[in-house]
C-alpha cells in the first residue's frame, strides 16, 4: 500500500495503478479462470 492505496496490476502484466482499499473486491470466478487459462496457454507456447 502506498499513500493508503493498494497497487494493482493486470494478471498478464502491465502498468500498475493505485486503488483505494474500499474499492477492491475478489475477482469473479470467470475472470480468475480466464486469467489462469491465459497464463497456461502462454506457458505452453514458450520453448
C-alpha atoms as a PDB file:
ATOM      1  CA  UNK A   1       0.000   0.000   0.000  1.00  0.00           C
ATOM      2  CA  UNK A   2       1.246   3.403  -0.892  1.00  0.00           C
ATOM      3  CA  UNK A   3      -0.431   6.592   0.371  1.00  0.00           C
ATOM      4  CA  UNK A   4      -3.324   4.497   1.700  1.00  0.00           C
ATOM      5  CA  UNK A   5      -3.944   2.916  -1.722  1.00  0.00           C
ATOM      6  CA  UNK A   6      -3.427  -0.620  -2.950  1.00  0.00           C
ATOM      7  CA  UNK A   7      -1.371  -1.056  -6.111  1.00  0.00           C
ATOM      8  CA  UNK A   8      -2.920  -3.417  -8.655  1.00  0.00           C
ATOM      9  CA  UNK A   9      -1.532  -4.853 -11.871  1.00  0.00           C
ATOM     10  CA  UNK A  10      -3.329  -6.827 -14.600  1.00  0.00           C
ATOM     11  CA  UNK A  11      -2.794 -10.629 -14.422  1.00  0.00           C
ATOM     12  CA  UNK A  12      -0.881 -10.606 -17.709  1.00  0.00           C
ATOM     13  CA  UNK A  13       1.417  -7.813 -16.552  1.00  0.00           C
ATOM     14  CA  UNK A  14       1.429  -4.155 -17.360  1.00  0.00           C
ATOM     15  CA  UNK A  15       1.375  -0.836 -15.606  1.00  0.00           C
ATOM     16  CA  UNK A  16       0.173  -0.831 -12.014  1.00  0.00           C
ATOM     17  CA  UNK A  17      -2.347   1.641 -10.693  1.00  0.00           C
ATOM     18  CA  UNK A  18      -3.430   2.844  -7.258  1.00  0.00           C
ATOM     19  CA  UNK A  19      -6.850   1.903  -5.896  1.00  0.00           C
ATOM     20  CA  UNK A  20      -8.432   2.906  -2.582  1.00  0.00           C
ATOM     21  CA  UNK A  21      -8.781  -0.189  -0.341  1.00  0.00           C
ATOM     22  CA  UNK A  22     -12.582   0.145  -0.199  1.00  0.00           C
ATOM     23  CA  UNK A  23     -12.840  -0.238  -3.967  1.00  0.00           C
ATOM     24  CA  UNK A  24     -11.241  -3.666  -4.274  1.00  0.00           C
ATOM     25  CA  UNK A  25     -13.064  -6.995  -4.107  1.00  0.00           C
ATOM     26  CA  UNK A  26     -12.294 -10.563  -5.132  1.00  0.00           C
ATOM     27  CA  UNK A  27     -12.399 -11.190  -8.859  1.00  0.00           C
ATOM     28  CA  UNK A  28     -15.381 -13.156 -10.158  1.00  0.00           C
ATOM     29  CA  UNK A  29     -14.678 -16.859 -10.754  1.00  0.00           C
ATOM     30  CA  UNK A  30     -14.959 -16.378 -14.528  1.00  0.00           C
ATOM     31  CA  UNK A  31     -12.237 -13.717 -14.524  1.00  0.00           C
ATOM     32  CA  UNK A  32      -9.974 -15.837 -12.314  1.00  0.00           C
ATOM     33  CA  UNK A  33     -10.418 -18.842 -14.609  1.00  0.00           C
ATOM     34  CA  UNK A  34      -9.786 -16.713 -17.707  1.00  0.00           C
ATOM     35  CA  UNK A  35      -6.518 -15.389 -16.227  1.00  0.00           C
ATOM     36  CA  UNK A  36      -5.350 -18.914 -15.284  1.00  0.00           C
ATOM     37  CA  UNK A  37      -6.132 -20.320 -18.732  1.00  0.00           C
ATOM     38  CA  UNK A  38      -4.360 -17.399 -20.397  1.00  0.00           C
ATOM     39  CA  UNK A  39      -1.263 -17.996 -18.262  1.00  0.00           C
ATOM     40  CA  UNK A  40      -1.266 -21.745 -19.008  1.00  0.00           C
ATOM     41  CA  UNK A  41      -1.622 -21.097 -22.744  1.00  0.00           C
ATOM     42  CA  UNK A  42       1.222 -18.589 -22.613  1.00  0.00           C
ATOM     43  CA  UNK A  43       3.467 -21.070 -20.769  1.00  0.00           C
ATOM     44  CA  UNK A  44       2.760 -23.816 -23.350  1.00  0.00           C
ATOM     45  CA  UNK A  45       3.908 -21.559 -26.213  1.00  0.00           C
ATOM     46  CA  UNK A  46       7.311 -20.899 -24.658  1.00  0.00           C
ATOM     47  CA  UNK A  47      10.179 -23.108 -25.900  1.00  0.00           C
END
